[in-house]
Structure formats: C-alpha cells, structure tokens
C-alpha cells in the first residue's frame, strides 16, 4: 500500500472532523454545544463578552456549520484545526515568522497583569 503524504493525511483529518462536527451541529446553535458553552461561561467569568470575543472553537464551529470545509493554511495550523474540530476544543497555532516582536511563554506570577491589544 503506497504511503500518503503528510499534507494529504492532514487535509483528510481536517475533512473528516469538519464533516463530523458539521453533522453533530446540524440544526443546533453552536453556542449551546457543551464544549462551547463552557468556554462562553469562562469568558463571562473573566469579564469578556463571548458574543464579542468568541472562543476559537465557537468561531470554527460556526464556519463548519455553514460549510464543512476549511482552507489549507500549513501543516501545523491544519493539524491543530483537525484536533480542535475532533475534540471541540479551542486551540490555536500561529506562524511565528509572521508575528511582530518576540513571543514568550512563561508561568504567571501573583500580581502580574495580562495585557492584550485585542482586549482593549
């Protein structure tokens, strides 16, 4: 049996999980899906309006409910999208070469505030 290239395998994962979530959401409001609703509540508890700032899985779910397909971006982003669709979980992957400045991941310390230009 010939091997399928990674690109094709990942695209197939996206396709399979997009179709499955589309079927699961058929006729329902993505906001009411239990895996989405929990994030909406978490955003509310953080003082964020989930209608204005939906989680990535809510936005992806809305898109999939309309048309169960996604554009090809790159292997990493496509794989993360496939996993996000499969587990109905907000996940993100970004091309660091396209982001300005330095990105740093570290543990938060008491008293530190998170500042984001998207939340102001």
PDB file of N, CA and C in Angstrom:
ATOM      1  N   UNK A   1       0.853  -1.182   0.000  1.00  0.00           N
ATOM      2  CA  UNK A   1       0.000   0.000   0.000  1.00  0.00           C
ATOM      3  C   UNK A   1       0.895   1.240   0.000  1.00  0.00           C
ATOM      4  N   UNK A   2       0.719   2.145  -0.959  1.00  0.00           N
ATOM      5  CA  UNK A   2       1.555   3.350  -1.002  1.00  0.00           C
ATOM      6  C   UNK A   2       1.230   4.272   0.164  1.00  0.00           C
ATOM      7  N   UNK A   3       2.240   4.983   0.643  1.00  0.00           N
ATOM      8  CA  UNK A   3       2.016   5.923   1.733  1.00  0.00           C
ATOM      9  C   UNK A   3       1.465   7.227   1.188  1.00  0.00           C
ATOM     10  N   UNK A   4       0.614   7.828   1.981  1.00  0.00           N
ATOM     11  CA  UNK A   4       0.035   9.122   1.627  1.00  0.00           C
ATOM     12  C   UNK A   4       0.927  10.186   2.237  1.00  0.00           C
ATOM     13  N   UNK A   5       1.181  11.269   1.530  1.00  0.00           N
ATOM     14  CA  UNK A   5       1.992  12.350   2.064  1.00  0.00           C
ATOM     15  C   UNK A   5       1.333  12.985   3.279  1.00  0.00           C
ATOM     16  N   UNK A   6       2.159  13.593   4.124  1.00  0.00           N
ATOM     17  CA  UNK A   6       1.651  14.234   5.341  1.00  0.00           C
ATOM     18  C   UNK A   6       0.600  15.284   5.018  1.00  0.00           C
ATOM     19  N   UNK A   7       0.824  16.053   3.957  1.00  0.00           N
ATOM     20  CA  UNK A   7      -0.162  17.079   3.586  1.00  0.00           C
ATOM     21  C   UNK A   7      -1.533  16.453   3.347  1.00  0.00           C
ATOM     22  N   UNK A   8      -1.554  15.386   2.573  1.00  0.00           N
ATOM     23  CA  UNK A   8      -2.823  14.727   2.246  1.00  0.00           C
ATOM     24  C   UNK A   8      -3.451  14.099   3.493  1.00  0.00           C
ATOM     25  N   UNK A   9      -2.639  13.498   4.342  1.00  0.00           N
ATOM     26  CA  UNK A   9      -3.169  12.902   5.569  1.00  0.00           C
ATOM     27  C   UNK A   9      -3.795  13.964   6.471  1.00  0.00           C
ATOM     28  N   UNK A  10      -3.115  15.078   6.613  1.00  0.00           N
ATOM     29  CA  UNK A  10      -3.635  16.151   7.466  1.00  0.00           C
ATOM     30  C   UNK A  10      -4.898  16.743   6.864  1.00  0.00           C
ATOM     31  N   UNK A  11      -4.897  16.989   5.569  1.00  0.00           N
ATOM     32  CA  UNK A  11      -6.105  17.516   4.912  1.00  0.00           C
ATOM     33  C   UNK A  11      -7.275  16.556   5.092  1.00  0.00           C
ATOM     34  N   UNK A  12      -6.990  15.255   5.037  1.00  0.00           N
ATOM     35  CA  UNK A  12      -8.044  14.270   5.240  1.00  0.00           C
ATOM     36  C   UNK A  12      -8.583  14.338   6.671  1.00  0.00           C
ATOM     37  N   UNK A  13      -7.692  14.509   7.656  1.00  0.00           N
ATOM     38  CA  UNK A  13      -8.140  14.654   9.041  1.00  0.00           C
ATOM     39  C   UNK A  13      -9.054  15.871   9.193  1.00  0.00           C
ATOM     40  N   UNK A  14      -8.657  16.986   8.592  1.00  0.00           N
ATOM     41  CA  UNK A  14      -9.491  18.199   8.654  1.00  0.00           C
ATOM     42  C   UNK A  14     -10.851  17.917   8.032  1.00  0.00           C
ATOM     43  N   UNK A  15     -10.849  17.282   6.864  1.00  0.00           N
ATOM     44  CA  UNK A  15     -12.103  16.996   6.159  1.00  0.00           C
ATOM     45  C   UNK A  15     -13.004  16.090   6.989  1.00  0.00           C
ATOM     46  N   UNK A  16     -12.453  15.009   7.520  1.00  0.00           N
ATOM     47  CA  UNK A  16     -13.234  14.041   8.301  1.00  0.00           C
ATOM     48  C   UNK A  16     -13.836  14.697   9.540  1.00  0.00           C
ATOM     49  N   UNK A  17     -13.026  15.453  10.269  1.00  0.00           N
ATOM     50  CA  UNK A  17     -13.518  16.049  11.508  1.00  0.00           C
ATOM     51  C   UNK A  17     -14.430  17.245  11.251  1.00  0.00           C
ATOM     52  N   UNK A  18     -14.226  17.954  10.155  1.00  0.00           N
ATOM     53  CA  UNK A  18     -15.140  19.041   9.795  1.00  0.00           C
ATOM     54  C   UNK A  18     -16.514  18.478   9.456  1.00  0.00           C
ATOM     55  N   UNK A  19     -16.538  17.400   8.697  1.00  0.00           N
ATOM     56  CA  UNK A  19     -17.823  16.765   8.360  1.00  0.00           C
ATOM     57  C   UNK A  19     -18.510  16.220   9.607  1.00  0.00           C
ATOM     58  N   UNK A  20     -17.744  15.602  10.498  1.00  0.00           N
ATOM     59  CA  UNK A  20     -18.331  15.032  11.713  1.00  0.00           C
ATOM     60  C   UNK A  20     -18.921  16.122  12.608  1.00  0.00           C
ATOM     61  N   UNK A  21     -18.187  17.217  12.801  1.00  0.00           N
ATOM     62  CA  UNK A  21     -18.719  18.296  13.637  1.00  0.00           C
ATOM     63  C   UNK A  21     -19.902  18.972  12.962  1.00  0.00           C
ATOM     64  N   UNK A  22     -19.852  19.108  11.659  1.00  0.00           N
ATOM     65  CA  UNK A  22     -20.981  19.685  10.928  1.00  0.00           C
ATOM     66  C   UNK A  22     -22.244  18.858  11.155  1.00  0.00           C
ATOM     67  N   UNK A  23     -22.104  17.541  11.101  1.00  0.00           N
ATOM     68  CA  UNK A  23     -23.245  16.659  11.354  1.00  0.00           C
ATOM     69  C   UNK A  23     -23.724  16.781  12.804  1.00  0.00           C
ATOM     70  N   UNK A  24     -22.780  16.850  13.733  1.00  0.00           N
ATOM     71  CA  UNK A  24     -23.128  16.969  15.151  1.00  0.00           C
ATOM     72  C   UNK A  24     -23.879  18.273  15.437  1.00  0.00           C
ATOM     73  N   UNK A  25     -23.511  19.333  14.727  1.00  0.00           N
ATOM     74  CA  UNK A  25     -24.123  20.647  14.951  1.00  0.00           C
ATOM     75  C   UNK A  25     -25.400  20.859  14.152  1.00  0.00           C
ATOM     76  N   UNK A  26     -25.693  19.983  13.239  1.00  0.00           N
ATOM     77  CA  UNK A  26     -26.826  20.174  12.323  1.00  0.00           C
ATOM     78  C   UNK A  26     -28.098  20.547  13.080  1.00  0.00           C
ATOM     79  N   UNK A  27     -28.663  21.684  12.725  1.00  0.00           N
ATOM     80  CA  UNK A  27     -29.922  22.124  13.313  1.00  0.00           C
ATOM     81  C   UNK A  27     -29.819  22.676  14.725  1.00  0.00           C
ATOM     82  N   UNK A  28     -28.603  22.840  15.233  1.00  0.00           N
ATOM     83  CA  UNK A  28     -28.461  23.365  16.593  1.00  0.00           C
ATOM     84  C   UNK A  28     -27.597  24.625  16.578  1.00  0.00           C
ATOM     85  N   UNK A  29     -27.601  25.305  17.676  1.00  0.00           N
ATOM     86  CA  UNK A  29     -26.803  26.516  17.834  1.00  0.00           C
ATOM     87  C   UNK A  29     -25.450  26.115  18.420  1.00  0.00           C
ATOM     88  N   UNK A  30     -24.374  26.439  17.728  1.00  0.00           N
ATOM     89  CA  UNK A  30     -23.040  26.055  18.188  1.00  0.00           C
ATOM     90  C   UNK A  30     -22.773  26.554  19.607  1.00  0.00           C
ATOM     91  N   UNK A  31     -23.358  27.686  19.990  1.00  0.00           N
ATOM     92  CA  UNK A  31     -23.158  28.234  21.338  1.00  0.00           C
ATOM     93  C   UNK A  31     -23.691  27.307  22.429  1.00  0.00           C
ATOM     94  N   UNK A  32     -24.626  26.435  22.068  1.00  0.00           N
ATOM     95  CA  UNK A  32     -25.230  25.530  23.044  1.00  0.00           C
ATOM     96  C   UNK A  32     -24.493  24.194  23.160  1.00  0.00           C
ATOM     97  N   UNK A  33     -23.539  23.944  22.282  1.00  0.00           N
ATOM     98  CA  UNK A  33     -22.763  22.704  22.381  1.00  0.00           C
ATOM     99  C   UNK A  33     -22.045  22.733  23.729  1.00  0.00           C
ATOM    100  N   UNK A  34     -22.089  21.656  24.511  1.00  0.00           N
ATOM    101  CA  UNK A  34     -21.493  21.688  25.854  1.00  0.00           C
ATOM    102  C   UNK A  34     -20.013  22.070  25.880  1.00  0.00           C
ATOM    103  N   UNK A  35     -19.271  21.708  24.850  1.00  0.00           N
ATOM    104  CA  UNK A  35     -17.840  22.040  24.815  1.00  0.00           C
ATOM    105  C   UNK A  35     -17.610  23.505  24.460  1.00  0.00           C
ATOM    106  N   UNK A  36     -18.590  24.135  23.851  1.00  0.00           N
ATOM    107  CA  UNK A  36     -18.506  25.560  23.523  1.00  0.00           C
ATOM    108  C   UNK A  36     -19.084  26.388  24.668  1.00  0.00           C
ATOM    109  N   UNK A  37     -20.199  25.923  25.215  1.00  0.00           N
ATOM    110  CA  UNK A  37     -20.871  26.661  26.292  1.00  0.00           C
ATOM    111  C   UNK A  37     -19.955  26.870  27.494  1.00  0.00           C
ATOM    112  N   UNK A  38     -19.126  25.888  27.800  1.00  0.00           N
ATOM    113  CA  UNK A  38     -18.221  26.020  28.939  1.00  0.00           C
ATOM    114  C   UNK A  38     -17.213  27.155  28.714  1.00  0.00           C
ATOM    115  N   UNK A  39     -16.779  27.343  27.485  1.00  0.00           N
ATOM    116  CA  UNK A  39     -15.850  28.442  27.180  1.00  0.00           C
ATOM    117  C   UNK A  39     -16.567  29.786  27.211  1.00  0.00           C
ATOM    118  N   UNK A  40     -17.811  29.816  26.766  1.00  0.00           N
ATOM    119  CA  UNK A  40     -18.585  31.060  26.836  1.00  0.00           C
ATOM    120  C   UNK A  40     -18.725  31.496  28.297  1.00  0.00           C
ATOM    121  N   UNK A  41     -19.003  30.539  29.178  1.00  0.00           N
ATOM    122  CA  UNK A  41     -19.137  30.851  30.602  1.00  0.00           C
ATOM    123  C   UNK A  41     -17.798  31.301  31.185  1.00  0.00           C
ATOM    124  N   UNK A  42     -16.724  30.650  30.804  1.00  0.00           N
ATOM    125  CA  UNK A  42     -15.389  31.048  31.284  1.00  0.00           C
ATOM    126  C   UNK A  42     -15.080  32.476  30.854  1.00  0.00           C
ATOM    127  N   UNK A  43     -15.411  32.824  29.624  1.00  0.00           N
ATOM    128  CA  UNK A  43     -15.164  34.188  29.144  1.00  0.00           C
ATOM    129  C   UNK A  43     -15.987  35.186  29.953  1.00  0.00           C
ATOM    130  N   UNK A  44     -17.249  34.840  30.220  1.00  0.00           N
ATOM    131  CA  UNK A  44     -18.096  35.726  31.037  1.00  0.00           C
ATOM    132  C   UNK A  44     -17.460  35.953  32.408  1.00  0.00           C
ATOM    133  N   UNK A  45     -16.971  34.884  33.039  1.00  0.00           N
ATOM    134  CA  UNK A  45     -16.343  34.992  34.357  1.00  0.00           C
ATOM    135  C   UNK A  45     -15.080  35.838  34.314  1.00  0.00           C
ATOM    136  N   UNK A  46     -14.436  35.906  33.169  1.00  0.00           N
ATOM    137  CA  UNK A  46     -13.256  36.757  33.009  1.00  0.00           C
ATOM    138  C   UNK A  46     -13.631  38.196  32.674  1.00  0.00           C
ATOM    139  N   UNK A  47     -14.928  38.453  32.550  1.00  0.00           N
ATOM    140  CA  UNK A  47     -15.380  39.803  32.225  1.00  0.00           C
ATOM    141  C   UNK A  47     -15.384  40.100  30.736  1.00  0.00           C
ATOM    142  N   UNK A  48     -15.295  39.049  29.919  1.00  0.00           N
ATOM    143  CA  UNK A  48     -15.318  39.230  28.465  1.00  0.00           C
ATOM    144  C   UNK A  48     -16.685  38.849  27.919  1.00  0.00           C
ATOM    145  N   UNK A  49     -17.140  39.576  26.943  1.00  0.00           N
ATOM    146  CA  UNK A  49     -18.400  39.275  26.285  1.00  0.00           C
ATOM    147  C   UNK A  49     -18.138  38.183  25.248  1.00  0.00           C
ATOM    148  N   UNK A  50     -18.677  36.957  25.449  1.00  0.00           N
ATOM    149  CA  UNK A  50     -18.402  35.884  24.497  1.00  0.00           C
ATOM    150  C   UNK A  50     -19.038  36.099  23.126  1.00  0.00           C
ATOM    151  N   UNK A  51     -19.980  37.036  23.036  1.00  0.00           N
ATOM    152  CA  UNK A  51     -20.530  37.368  21.719  1.00  0.00           C
ATOM    153  C   UNK A  51     -19.546  38.235  20.937  1.00  0.00           C
ATOM    154  N   UNK A  52     -18.835  39.084  21.652  1.00  0.00           N
ATOM    155  CA  UNK A  52     -17.847  39.954  21.017  1.00  0.00           C
ATOM    156  C   UNK A  52     -16.516  39.236  20.818  1.00  0.00           C
ATOM    157  N   UNK A  53     -16.158  38.372  21.771  1.00  0.00           N
ATOM    158  CA  UNK A  53     -14.899  37.625  21.733  1.00  0.00           C
ATOM    159  C   UNK A  53     -15.183  36.130  21.848  1.00  0.00           C
ATOM    160  N   UNK A  54     -15.699  35.494  20.782  1.00  0.00           N
ATOM    161  CA  UNK A  54     -15.978  34.058  20.867  1.00  0.00           C
ATOM    162  C   UNK A  54     -14.681  33.250  20.924  1.00  0.00           C
ATOM    163  N   UNK A  55     -14.753  32.077  21.535  1.00  0.00           N
ATOM    164  CA  UNK A  55     -13.592  31.193  21.542  1.00  0.00           C
ATOM    165  C   UNK A  55     -13.323  30.726  20.109  1.00  0.00           C
ATOM    166  N   UNK A  56     -12.117  30.278  19.887  1.00  0.00           N
ATOM    167  CA  UNK A  56     -11.755  29.846  18.532  1.00  0.00           C
ATOM    168  C   UNK A  56     -12.605  28.667  18.068  1.00  0.00           C
ATOM    169  N   UNK A  57     -12.975  27.754  18.983  1.00  0.00           N
ATOM    170  CA  UNK A  57     -13.796  26.623  18.560  1.00  0.00           C
ATOM    171  C   UNK A  57     -15.220  27.068  18.230  1.00  0.00           C
ATOM    172  N   UNK A  58     -15.713  28.092  18.895  1.00  0.00           N
ATOM    173  CA  UNK A  58     -17.040  28.604  18.550  1.00  0.00           C
ATOM    174  C   UNK A  58     -17.022  29.205  17.146  1.00  0.00           C
ATOM    175  N   UNK A  59     -16.007  29.999  16.871  1.00  0.00           N
ATOM    176  CA  UNK A  59     -15.890  30.595  15.535  1.00  0.00           C
ATOM    177  C   UNK A  59     -15.703  29.510  14.471  1.00  0.00           C
ATOM    178  N   UNK A  60     -14.880  28.516  14.767  1.00  0.00           N
ATOM    179  CA  UNK A  60     -14.654  27.419  13.829  1.00  0.00           C
ATOM    180  C   UNK A  60     -15.939  26.612  13.648  1.00  0.00           C
ATOM    181  N   UNK A  61     -16.650  26.371  14.745  1.00  0.00           N
ATOM    182  CA  UNK A  61     -17.910  25.637  14.665  1.00  0.00           C
ATOM    183  C   UNK A  61     -18.950  26.347  13.822  1.00  0.00           C
ATOM    184  N   UNK A  62     -19.041  27.662  13.967  1.00  0.00           N
ATOM    185  CA  UNK A  62     -19.989  28.433  13.133  1.00  0.00           C
ATOM    186  C   UNK A  62     -19.644  28.285  11.656  1.00  0.00           C
ATOM    187  N   UNK A  63     -18.356  28.373  11.372  1.00  0.00           N
ATOM    188  CA  UNK A  63     -17.905  28.265   9.982  1.00  0.00           C
ATOM    189  C   UNK A  63     -18.212  26.874   9.427  1.00  0.00           C
ATOM    190  N   UNK A  64     -17.917  25.853  10.221  1.00  0.00           N
ATOM    191  CA  UNK A  64     -18.141  24.468   9.796  1.00  0.00           C
ATOM    192  C   UNK A  64     -19.630  24.175   9.636  1.00  0.00           C
ATOM    193  N   UNK A  65     -20.467  24.766  10.494  1.00  0.00           N
ATOM    194  CA  UNK A  65     -21.913  24.552  10.397  1.00  0.00           C
ATOM    195  C   UNK A  65     -22.461  25.079   9.073  1.00  0.00           C
ATOM    196  N   UNK A  66     -21.861  26.153   8.565  1.00  0.00           N
ATOM    197  CA  UNK A  66     -22.300  26.719   7.284  1.00  0.00           C
ATOM    198  C   UNK A  66     -21.780  25.918   6.100  1.00  0.00           C
ATOM    199  N   UNK A  67     -20.506  25.533   6.173  1.00  0.00           N
ATOM    200  CA  UNK A  67     -19.864  24.810   5.074  1.00  0.00           C
ATOM    201  C   UNK A  67     -18.714  23.997   5.671  1.00  0.00           C
ATOM    202  N   UNK A  68     -18.841  22.671   5.685  1.00  0.00           N
ATOM    203  CA  UNK A  68     -17.852  21.838   6.384  1.00  0.00           C
ATOM    204  C   UNK A  68     -16.523  21.660   5.643  1.00  0.00           C
ATOM    205  N   UNK A  69     -15.847  22.766   5.424  1.00  0.00           N
ATOM    206  CA  UNK A  69     -14.509  22.693   4.845  1.00  0.00           C
ATOM    207  C   UNK A  69     -13.720  23.921   5.265  1.00  0.00           C
ATOM    208  N   UNK A  70     -12.417  23.765   5.323  1.00  0.00           N
ATOM    209  CA  UNK A  70     -11.525  24.855   5.704  1.00  0.00           C
ATOM    210  C   UNK A  70     -10.432  24.997   4.654  1.00  0.00           C
ATOM    211  N   UNK A  71      -9.913  26.200   4.485  1.00  0.00           N
ATOM    212  CA  UNK A  71      -8.803  26.367   3.536  1.00  0.00           C
ATOM    213  C   UNK A  71      -7.527  25.733   4.087  1.00  0.00           C
ATOM    214  N   UNK A  72      -6.653  25.353   3.183  1.00  0.00           N
ATOM    215  CA  UNK A  72      -5.333  24.851   3.572  1.00  0.00           C
ATOM    216  C   UNK A  72      -4.494  26.053   3.982  1.00  0.00           C
ATOM    217  N   UNK A  73      -3.868  25.977   5.169  1.00  0.00           N
ATOM    218  CA  UNK A  73      -3.004  27.062   5.621  1.00  0.00           C
ATOM    219  C   UNK A  73      -1.565  26.568   5.634  1.00  0.00           C
ATOM    220  N   UNK A  74      -1.252  25.664   6.521  1.00  0.00           N
ATOM    221  CA  UNK A  74       0.026  24.953   6.516  1.00  0.00           C
ATOM    222  C   UNK A  74      -0.163  23.717   7.379  1.00  0.00           C
ATOM    223  N   UNK A  75       0.809  22.822   7.379  1.00  0.00           N
ATOM    224  CA  UNK A  75       0.644  21.541   8.078  1.00  0.00           C
ATOM    225  C   UNK A  75       0.328  21.707   9.557  1.00  0.00           C
ATOM    226  N   UNK A  76       1.014  22.609  10.218  1.00  0.00           N
ATOM    227  CA  UNK A  76       0.819  22.768  11.662  1.00  0.00           C
ATOM    228  C   UNK A  76      -0.567  23.335  11.957  1.00  0.00           C
ATOM    229  N   UNK A  77      -0.925  24.425  11.313  1.00  0.00           N
ATOM    230  CA  UNK A  77      -2.237  25.041  11.549  1.00  0.00           C
ATOM    231  C   UNK A  77      -3.349  24.073  11.161  1.00  0.00           C
ATOM    232  N   UNK A  78      -3.191  23.393  10.041  1.00  0.00           N
ATOM    233  CA  UNK A  78      -4.216  22.442   9.607  1.00  0.00           C
ATOM    234  C   UNK A  78      -4.367  21.292  10.603  1.00  0.00           C
ATOM    235  N   UNK A  79      -3.264  20.794  11.140  1.00  0.00           N
ATOM    236  CA  UNK A  79      -3.327  19.717  12.127  1.00  0.00           C
ATOM    237  C   UNK A  79      -4.006  20.197  13.417  1.00  0.00           C
ATOM    238  N   UNK A  80      -3.661  21.393  13.857  1.00  0.00           N
ATOM    239  CA  UNK A  80      -4.300  21.955  15.054  1.00  0.00           C
ATOM    240  C   UNK A  80      -5.804  22.132  14.803  1.00  0.00           C
ATOM    241  N   UNK A  81      -6.186  22.594  13.624  1.00  0.00           N
ATOM    242  CA  UNK A  81      -7.610  22.726  13.305  1.00  0.00           C
ATOM    243  C   UNK A  81      -8.307  21.368  13.338  1.00  0.00           C
ATOM    244  N   UNK A  82      -7.649  20.334  12.811  1.00  0.00           N
ATOM    245  CA  UNK A  82      -8.239  18.990  12.824  1.00  0.00           C
ATOM    246  C   UNK A  82      -8.476  18.529  14.258  1.00  0.00           C
ATOM    247  N   UNK A  83      -7.498  18.738  15.124  1.00  0.00           N
ATOM    248  CA  UNK A  83      -7.637  18.331  16.530  1.00  0.00           C
ATOM    249  C   UNK A  83      -8.696  19.161  17.249  1.00  0.00           C
ATOM    250  N   UNK A  84      -8.737  20.448  16.961  1.00  0.00           N
ATOM    251  CA  UNK A  84      -9.739  21.325  17.551  1.00  0.00           C
ATOM    252  C   UNK A  84     -11.145  20.865  17.164  1.00  0.00           C
ATOM    253  N   UNK A  85     -11.329  20.505  15.899  1.00  0.00           N
ATOM    254  CA  UNK A  85     -12.624  20.015  15.428  1.00  0.00           C
ATOM    255  C   UNK A  85     -12.963  18.661  16.052  1.00  0.00           C
ATOM    256  N   UNK A  86     -11.988  17.778  16.123  1.00  0.00           N
ATOM    257  CA  UNK A  86     -12.226  16.437  16.664  1.00  0.00           C
ATOM    258  C   UNK A  86     -12.673  16.486  18.121  1.00  0.00           C
ATOM    259  N   UNK A  87     -11.991  17.293  18.925  1.00  0.00           N
ATOM    260  CA  UNK A  87     -12.271  17.335  20.355  1.00  0.00           C
ATOM    261  C   UNK A  87     -13.149  18.512  20.770  1.00  0.00           C
ATOM    262  N   UNK A  88     -13.592  19.317  19.799  1.00  0.00           N
ATOM    263  CA  UNK A  88     -14.400  20.510  20.044  1.00  0.00           C
ATOM    264  C   UNK A  88     -13.750  21.308  21.181  1.00  0.00           C
ATOM    265  N   UNK A  89     -12.519  21.706  20.911  1.00  0.00           N
ATOM    266  CA  UNK A  89     -11.679  22.357  21.894  1.00  0.00           C
ATOM    267  C   UNK A  89     -10.992  23.561  21.257  1.00  0.00           C
ATOM    268  N   UNK A  90     -11.020  24.725  21.905  1.00  0.00           N
ATOM    269  CA  UNK A  90     -10.321  25.874  21.317  1.00  0.00           C
ATOM    270  C   UNK A  90      -8.814  25.664  21.371  1.00  0.00           C
ATOM    271  N   UNK A  91      -8.205  25.748  20.224  1.00  0.00           N
ATOM    272  CA  UNK A  91      -6.749  25.601  20.108  1.00  0.00           C
ATOM    273  C   UNK A  91      -6.280  26.631  19.081  1.00  0.00           C
ATOM    274  N   UNK A  92      -5.026  26.950  19.119  1.00  0.00           N
ATOM    275  CA  UNK A  92      -4.500  27.889  18.140  1.00  0.00           C
ATOM    276  C   UNK A  92      -3.073  27.555  17.769  1.00  0.00           C
ATOM    277  N   UNK A  93      -2.736  27.873  16.553  1.00  0.00           N
ATOM    278  CA  UNK A  93      -1.365  27.739  16.065  1.00  0.00           C
ATOM    279  C   UNK A  93      -1.116  28.926  15.151  1.00  0.00           C
ATOM    280  N   UNK A  94       0.032  29.508  15.288  1.00  0.00           N
ATOM    281  CA  UNK A  94       0.349  30.701  14.514  1.00  0.00           C
ATOM    282  C   UNK A  94       1.751  30.580  13.928  1.00  0.00           C
ATOM    283  N   UNK A  95       1.933  31.169  12.787  1.00  0.00           N
ATOM    284  CA  UNK A  95       3.246  31.206  12.149  1.00  0.00           C
ATOM    285  C   UNK A  95       4.050  32.308  12.817  1.00  0.00           C
ATOM    286  N   UNK A  96       5.010  31.932  13.643  1.00  0.00           N
ATOM    287  CA  UNK A  96       5.794  32.914  14.388  1.00  0.00           C
ATOM    288  C   UNK A  96       6.573  33.854  13.475  1.00  0.00           C
ATOM    289  N   UNK A  97       6.880  33.419  12.265  1.00  0.00           N
ATOM    290  CA  UNK A  97       7.604  34.288  11.337  1.00  0.00           C
ATOM    291  C   UNK A  97       6.753  35.483  10.901  1.00  0.00           C
ATOM    292  N   UNK A  98       5.435  35.357  11.031  1.00  0.00           N
ATOM    293  CA  UNK A  98       4.545  36.443  10.618  1.00  0.00           C
ATOM    294  C   UNK A  98       4.146  37.364  11.754  1.00  0.00           C
ATOM    295  N   UNK A  99       4.440  36.962  13.011  1.00  0.00           N
ATOM    296  CA  UNK A  99       4.045  37.766  14.166  1.00  0.00           C
ATOM    297  C   UNK A  99       5.139  38.775  14.507  1.00  0.00           C
ATOM    298  N   UNK A 100       4.742  40.010  14.817  1.00  0.00           N
ATOM    299  CA  UNK A 100       5.746  41.012  15.175  1.00  0.00           C
ATOM    300  C   UNK A 100       6.255  40.811  16.603  1.00  0.00           C
ATOM    301  N   UNK A 101       7.486  41.176  16.845  1.00  0.00           N
ATOM    302  CA  UNK A 101       8.043  41.124  18.198  1.00  0.00           C
ATOM    303  C   UNK A 101       8.396  39.719  18.640  1.00  0.00           C
ATOM    304  N   UNK A 102       8.812  39.628  19.878  1.00  0.00           N
ATOM    305  CA  UNK A 102       9.190  38.352  20.451  1.00  0.00           C
ATOM    306  C   UNK A 102       8.016  37.759  21.218  1.00  0.00           C
ATOM    307  N   UNK A 103       7.854  36.467  21.109  1.00  0.00           N
ATOM    308  CA  UNK A 103       6.809  35.755  21.828  1.00  0.00           C
ATOM    309  C   UNK A 103       7.481  35.020  22.981  1.00  0.00           C
ATOM    310  N   UNK A 104       6.875  35.112  24.148  1.00  0.00           N
ATOM    311  CA  UNK A 104       7.442  34.468  25.322  1.00  0.00           C
ATOM    312  C   UNK A 104       6.332  33.738  26.072  1.00  0.00           C
ATOM    313  N   UNK A 105       6.581  32.485  26.396  1.00  0.00           N
ATOM    314  CA  UNK A 105       5.636  31.701  27.183  1.00  0.00           C
ATOM    315  C   UNK A 105       6.299  31.440  28.526  1.00  0.00           C
ATOM    316  N   UNK A 106       5.591  31.800  29.592  1.00  0.00           N
ATOM    317  CA  UNK A 106       6.150  31.605  30.933  1.00  0.00           C
ATOM    318  C   UNK A 106       5.009  31.509  31.937  1.00  0.00           C
ATOM    319  N   UNK A 107       5.341  31.028  33.127  1.00  0.00           N
ATOM    320  CA  UNK A 107       4.348  30.954  34.187  1.00  0.00           C
ATOM    321  C   UNK A 107       4.027  32.364  34.673  1.00  0.00           C
ATOM    322  N   UNK A 108       2.761  32.585  35.001  1.00  0.00           N
ATOM    323  CA  UNK A 108       2.347  33.873  35.557  1.00  0.00           C
ATOM    324  C   UNK A 108       2.750  33.928  37.030  1.00  0.00           C
ATOM    325  N   UNK A 109       2.968  35.118  37.491  1.00  0.00           N
ATOM    326  CA  UNK A 109       3.284  35.329  38.900  1.00  0.00           C
ATOM    327  C   UNK A 109       2.187  36.174  39.532  1.00  0.00           C
ATOM    328  N   UNK A 110       1.990  36.001  40.811  1.00  0.00           N
ATOM    329  CA  UNK A 110       0.974  36.771  41.529  1.00  0.00           C
ATOM    330  C   UNK A 110       1.213  38.261  41.320  1.00  0.00           C
ATOM    331  N   UNK A 111       0.148  38.981  41.055  1.00  0.00           N
ATOM    332  CA  UNK A 111       0.248  40.423  40.873  1.00  0.00           C
ATOM    333  C   UNK A 111       0.523  40.862  39.449  1.00  0.00           C
ATOM    334  N   UNK A 112       0.881  39.942  38.562  1.00  0.00           N
ATOM    335  CA  UNK A 112       1.153  40.299  37.173  1.00  0.00           C
ATOM    336  C   UNK A 112      -0.154  40.416  36.414  1.00  0.00           C
ATOM    337  N   UNK A 113      -0.226  41.355  35.498  1.00  0.00           N
ATOM    338  CA  UNK A 113      -1.422  41.547  34.681  1.00  0.00           C
ATOM    339  C   UNK A 113      -1.127  41.162  33.240  1.00  0.00           C
ATOM    340  N   UNK A 114      -2.099  40.563  32.615  1.00  0.00           N
ATOM    341  CA  UNK A 114      -2.003  40.218  31.198  1.00  0.00           C
ATOM    342  C   UNK A 114      -2.560  41.378  30.397  1.00  0.00           C
ATOM    343  N   UNK A 115      -1.804  41.841  29.435  1.00  0.00           N
ATOM    344  CA  UNK A 115      -2.256  42.935  28.573  1.00  0.00           C
ATOM    345  C   UNK A 115      -2.285  42.433  27.144  1.00  0.00           C
ATOM    346  N   UNK A 116      -3.395  42.644  26.497  1.00  0.00           N
ATOM    347  CA  UNK A 116      -3.541  42.231  25.112  1.00  0.00           C
ATOM    348  C   UNK A 116      -4.167  43.379  24.322  1.00  0.00           C
ATOM    349  N   UNK A 117      -3.605  43.695  23.170  1.00  0.00           N
ATOM    350  CA  UNK A 117      -4.198  44.764  22.352  1.00  0.00           C
ATOM    351  C   UNK A 117      -5.574  44.380  21.828  1.00  0.00           C
ATOM    352  N   UNK A 118      -5.911  43.091  21.813  1.00  0.00           N
ATOM    353  CA  UNK A 118      -7.209  42.657  21.293  1.00  0.00           C
ATOM    354  C   UNK A 118      -8.303  42.809  22.318  1.00  0.00           C
ATOM    355  N   UNK A 119      -7.967  42.971  23.585  1.00  0.00           N
ATOM    356  CA  UNK A 119      -8.989  43.050  24.630  1.00  0.00           C
ATOM    357  C   UNK A 119      -9.297  44.473  25.060  1.00  0.00           C
ATOM    358  N   UNK A 120      -8.673  45.439  24.449  1.00  0.00           N
ATOM    359  CA  UNK A 120      -8.902  46.840  24.848  1.00  0.00           C
ATOM    360  C   UNK A 120      -9.784  47.550  23.862  1.00  0.00           C
TER     361      UNK A 120
END
